[in-house]
Each structure stands twice: as structure tokens, then as C-alpha cells.
Protein backbone atom coordinates (compact mmCIF):
# COMPACT_ATOMS: atom_id res chain seq x y z
CA MET A 1 -38.13 -22.25 -5.32
CA ALA A 2 -38.23 -18.58 -3.79
CA ALA A 3 -36.69 -19.50 -0.68
CA ARG A 4 -33.22 -20.76 -3.14
CA LEU A 5 -33.43 -17.62 -5.18
CA ILE A 6 -33.83 -15.26 -2.15
CA THR A 7 -30.56 -17.25 -0.84
CA LEU A 8 -28.86 -16.89 -3.56
CA LEU A 9 -29.57 -13.46 -4.19
CA LEU A 10 -28.32 -12.77 -0.80
CA ILE A 11 -25.39 -14.47 -0.87
CA LEU A 12 -24.49 -12.52 -4.28
CA ALA A 13 -25.06 -9.23 -2.65
CA LEU A 14 -22.28 -9.83 0.48
CA PRO A 15 -19.59 -7.38 -0.39
CA GLY A 16 -16.74 -9.97 -1.69
CA ALA A 17 -18.33 -12.59 -1.88
CA ALA A 18 -16.39 -14.34 -4.95
CA HIS A 19 -12.97 -12.90 -3.17
CA ALA A 20 -13.61 -13.65 0.82
CA ARG A 21 -10.30 -15.26 1.80
CA LYS A 22 -7.76 -12.69 2.90
CA GLY A 23 -4.64 -13.24 0.77
CA SER A 24 -1.90 -14.47 3.04
CA LEU A 25 1.68 -12.85 3.03
CA ALA A 26 5.44 -13.67 3.56
CA LEU A 27 8.36 -10.43 3.80
CA ILE A 28 11.08 -10.65 1.76
CA ASN A 29 14.28 -8.79 3.05
CA LEU A 30 16.11 -7.69 -0.19
CA GLY A 31 18.46 -5.03 1.52
CA LYS A 32 21.55 -5.74 3.94
CA GLU A 33 22.11 -5.82 7.16
CA GLU A 34 20.17 -2.18 7.89
CA SER A 35 17.02 -3.92 6.43
CA VAL A 36 16.87 -7.17 8.49
CA GLU A 37 15.54 -5.14 11.78
CA ALA A 38 12.89 -3.43 9.58
CA THR A 39 11.62 -6.56 7.93
CA ARG A 40 11.73 -8.08 11.47
CA GLU A 41 9.19 -5.18 12.69
CA ALA A 42 7.31 -5.06 9.82
CA ASN A 43 6.70 -8.91 10.03
CA ALA A 44 5.61 -8.02 13.47
CA LEU A 45 3.08 -5.58 13.13
CA LEU A 46 1.61 -7.63 9.77
CA LYS A 47 1.63 -10.79 11.51
CA LYS A 48 -1.89 -11.69 11.61
CA HIS A 49 -1.30 -11.34 7.21
CA VAL A 50 1.37 -13.72 7.70
CA GLY A 51 1.12 -17.14 6.80
CA GLY A 52 2.44 -20.57 5.12
CA TRP A 53 5.70 -21.77 5.87
CA ALA A 54 6.19 -17.51 7.13
CA ARG A 55 4.60 -18.26 10.40
CA GLN A 56 7.60 -20.27 11.63
CA ALA A 57 9.54 -18.30 13.28
CA GLY A 58 13.11 -19.55 11.88
CA ILE A 59 12.06 -19.42 8.12
CA ALA A 60 10.78 -15.51 8.79
CA ASP A 61 13.96 -14.74 10.59
CA PHE A 62 15.62 -15.96 7.23
CA LEU A 63 13.24 -14.52 5.14
CA ALA A 64 13.99 -11.40 7.35
CA GLY A 65 18.01 -11.42 6.15
CA ALA A 66 19.07 -13.13 9.51
CA PRO A 67 22.45 -15.98 9.07
CA LEU A 68 21.03 -19.41 8.04
CA LYS A 69 20.12 -22.07 10.44
CA PRO A 70 20.18 -24.86 8.81
CA GLU A 71 17.54 -26.79 11.22
CA THR A 72 15.13 -24.18 10.58
CA LEU A 73 13.96 -25.11 7.40
CA PRO A 74 12.18 -28.22 5.81
CA GLU A 75 13.95 -31.39 5.19
CA GLY A 76 14.65 -32.71 1.88
CA ALA A 77 14.59 -31.03 -1.08
CA ALA A 78 11.68 -28.25 -0.34
CA GLY A 79 14.46 -26.64 2.35
CA GLU A 80 17.01 -26.59 -0.97
CA ASP A 81 14.72 -25.08 -2.73
CA LEU A 82 13.66 -22.57 -0.11
CA GLU A 83 17.26 -21.22 0.89
CA ARG A 84 18.37 -21.46 -3.05
CA LEU A 85 15.20 -19.34 -4.23
CA VAL A 86 15.40 -16.90 -1.30
CA LEU A 87 18.91 -16.75 -2.12
CA ALA A 88 18.21 -16.04 -6.42
CA VAL A 89 15.71 -13.10 -5.52
CA ARG A 90 17.72 -11.42 -3.07
CA GLU A 91 21.05 -11.71 -4.55
CA ALA A 92 19.67 -10.26 -8.32
CA THR A 93 20.99 -7.41 -10.18
CA GLY A 94 18.11 -5.17 -10.37
CA THR A 95 14.07 -6.60 -9.73
CA PRO A 96 14.19 -9.90 -8.95
CA ASP A 97 12.87 -12.60 -11.68
CA THR A 98 9.32 -12.69 -11.15
CA GLY A 99 9.57 -16.88 -11.80
CA ASP A 100 11.89 -17.17 -8.82
CA LEU A 101 9.58 -15.10 -7.05
CA GLY A 102 6.36 -16.85 -7.90
CA ASN A 103 8.14 -20.54 -7.20
CA LEU A 104 9.03 -19.34 -3.90
CA GLY A 105 5.55 -17.69 -3.08
CA GLN A 106 4.24 -20.98 -4.02
CA LEU A 107 6.55 -23.03 -1.61
CA LEU A 108 5.58 -20.92 1.36
CA GLY A 109 2.23 -21.00 0.68
CA VAL A 110 1.46 -17.70 0.46
CA ASP A 111 -0.78 -15.58 -1.60
CA TYR A 112 1.77 -12.39 -1.63
CA LEU A 113 5.32 -11.57 -1.19
CA LEU A 114 6.16 -7.98 0.22
CA LEU A 115 9.72 -7.56 -0.96
CA VAL A 116 11.56 -4.80 1.82
CA LYS A 117 14.64 -2.83 1.71
CA VAL A 118 16.35 0.23 3.31
CA ASN A 119 18.43 2.47 1.89
CA LYS A 120 20.01 5.57 3.57
CA GLN A 121 17.35 5.99 6.10
CA ARG A 122 14.90 5.33 3.56
CA LEU A 123 11.96 2.06 3.48
CA SER A 124 10.84 0.82 0.62
CA ALA A 125 9.10 -2.11 -0.34
CA GLN A 126 6.85 -3.45 -3.40
CA LEU A 127 4.00 -5.99 -3.45
CA PHE A 128 4.08 -9.32 -5.61
CA SER A 129 1.07 -11.30 -6.42
CA VAL A 130 1.93 -14.91 -6.48
CA PRO A 131 -0.96 -16.10 -8.61
CA ALA A 132 -1.16 -13.52 -11.04
CA ARG A 133 3.07 -13.45 -11.18
CA SER A 134 3.33 -10.03 -11.09
CA PHE A 135 3.71 -6.89 -9.06
CA GLY A 136 1.20 -4.60 -7.81
CA PRO A 137 0.38 -1.62 -9.53
CA ARG A 138 2.34 0.78 -7.06
CA GLY A 139 5.32 0.65 -4.61
CA PHE A 140 6.13 2.00 -1.03
CA GLU A 141 8.78 4.38 -0.04
CA ASP A 142 8.90 6.53 3.13
CA LYS A 143 11.74 7.15 6.09
CA LEU A 144 13.11 4.39 8.17
CA GLY A 145 10.57 3.21 11.14
CA ALA A 146 7.38 4.09 8.64
CA THR A 147 5.65 0.49 9.34
CA GLN A 148 2.30 1.79 9.94
CA ARG A 149 1.91 3.19 6.33
CA LEU A 150 3.37 0.48 5.42
CA LYS A 151 0.68 -1.98 6.58
CA ALA A 152 -1.83 0.82 5.18
CA TYR A 153 -0.20 0.36 1.48
CA VAL A 154 -0.02 -3.75 2.17
CA LEU A 155 -3.77 -3.78 2.97
CA ASP A 156 -4.71 -1.32 -0.01
CA GLN A 157 -2.55 -3.33 -2.16
CA SER A 158 -3.77 -6.28 -1.83
CA GLY A 159 -7.55 -5.31 -1.92
CA GLN A 160 -8.49 -5.93 1.47
CA LYS A 161 -8.82 -2.31 2.31
CA ALA A 162 -11.53 -1.99 -0.05
CA ALA A 163 -13.22 -5.08 0.82
CA ALA A 164 -13.28 -3.79 4.82
CA GLU A 165 -15.26 -0.49 3.35
CA LYS A 166 -17.25 -2.72 0.96
CA LYS A 167 -18.46 -4.44 4.45
CA LYS A 168 -19.07 -1.42 6.17
CA GLY A 169 -21.44 -0.40 3.59
CA LEU A 170 -23.39 -3.75 3.19
CA PHE A 171 -26.49 -2.73 3.08
CA GLY A 172 -25.91 1.08 1.42
CA LYS A 173 -24.39 -1.25 -1.45
CA ARG A 174 -25.77 -3.30 -4.46
CA TRP A 175 -29.17 -1.81 -3.52
CA TRP A 176 -31.28 -3.26 -6.87
CA ILE A 177 -30.17 -7.07 -5.53
CA TRP A 178 -31.52 -6.06 -2.14
CA ALA A 179 -35.30 -4.80 -3.61
CA VAL A 180 -35.36 -8.05 -6.06
CA ALA A 181 -34.88 -10.37 -3.31
CA GLY A 182 -37.41 -8.29 -1.48
CA ALA A 183 -39.82 -8.62 -4.67
CA VAL A 184 -39.31 -12.39 -4.61
CA ALA A 185 -40.46 -12.64 -0.75
CA VAL A 186 -43.10 -10.33 -1.57
CA ALA A 187 -44.03 -12.69 -4.49
CA GLY A 188 -43.85 -15.99 -2.36
CA VAL A 189 -45.99 -14.80 0.41
CA VAL A 190 -48.70 -14.09 -2.79
CA LEU A 191 -48.25 -17.26 -4.29
CA ILE A 192 -48.87 -18.77 -0.50
CA PHE A 193 -51.88 -17.06 0.07
CA THR A 194 -53.48 -17.02 -3.10
CA LEU A 195 -52.75 -20.79 -3.62
CA PRO A 196 -56.10 -22.60 -3.49
CA ASP A 197 -57.18 -24.62 -0.15
CA ASP A 198 -57.89 -27.96 -0.78
CA THR A 199 -58.74 -28.93 2.54
CA ALA A 200 -61.46 -26.55 2.33
CA GLY A 201 -65.04 -28.07 2.83
CA ASP A 202 -63.91 -31.61 3.44
CA LEU A 203 -62.95 -33.34 6.84
CA LYS A 204 -59.80 -34.87 6.58
CA ILE A 205 -58.41 -37.43 9.42
CA ARG A 206 -54.81 -38.49 8.82
CA VAL A 207 -54.13 -41.72 11.27
CA THR A 208 -50.19 -42.17 11.70
CA ARG A 209 -49.41 -45.64 13.94
């Protein structure tokens, strides 16, 4: 019993134990032709975070704003829905509809959409959470080519930066859980050593065949 309790406490002590999965990402270009290359560059920088269908080169290129190659889309209704949703999001006046964004993210199989746009040599972006169907608390804007800062923004807004910092401080965080685990371990040892020895005084022989 003590061993099980210790194991449970150690699991709970791990930073982000309930949120261990890193969020997958798809980049969507909302701008015109000048945004295509910027989106491709950001996609390459965030490659290990990109997931779902967005990992396929043809689909990633379509999401980046390159001319559509029908053969790169999934067959049937899924391909038609993907094309329709991307165009609806890209052609929206003002902020894209959160319903369309959520449906697009679900279809792509990702946790986040990074909406990228270039305007007058300025790179702007906004992170959208697919499960929550809402935008992050703040957007991003910097000079064109600031993709390293864009990566930092994505990691910060998606919570992955915070998770990495917690991992560095594994033994410094939640000290009380480690203290309780240690106390339970000591109690278990004391219990083991204080149990009466029922083998004392008699010679017991067990024969196995």
C-alpha cells in the first residue's frame, strides 16, 4: 500500500503530468502572395510542432497560400471540406469565424492553428486553440523575418515554454509532495521493521516439489 501511494505521489509531482502532451500545430496564411514565403519559413522553423495533415508537404503548401494542387488533398468529402474551410478562413472579412477555425483544426487533426499574415513588411500572427475554440490572450507582430521571435511566441502562448521551465526545476517545485513521499517511505520502512517476526523460535521447513 505504501509503495503504491509513493508511486502516485511521484507521478503527481511531475510538472505538467496532466498536460504532458505537446500541442500540435498547423500554420494558415491569411495574407496575399507576400505572406506565402513567410508562412513557409515559419512552418520550417516550427516543423517539429506541426502535426496532423499539415505535416504533408502538399497540404502545408496549400495552407501557406500556394496554388491548390487537387491531388494533394484527401479524397472525397474530407478534401472538399478542407478546401472550403481554408478558403472561408482566408477570405473572411476581419477576424475569421471561430466555428470555421475550430472545424478546420479538427479536420487537420491539430490542437492549434497559427494564423499568419504579412502587411507592409510587418509579420503578424495569432494562435487559435482548437479544443477551446478561442484565440490566445495576445497576438504577435514584428518586422518581416522575425521568425525566431514568432517561435518563442507560439511556445509561450501554447504553454510549452512554461512546461519546459517547470521540467528544469523538477526537484525544486512542489517540495511538499516530495516531503510527503519521503515521510510515507520512512513510515513504510518503520512498519516493515516493527512487524512481529512470526518465524522466530520455531524451525519451519517448506518442501516444494
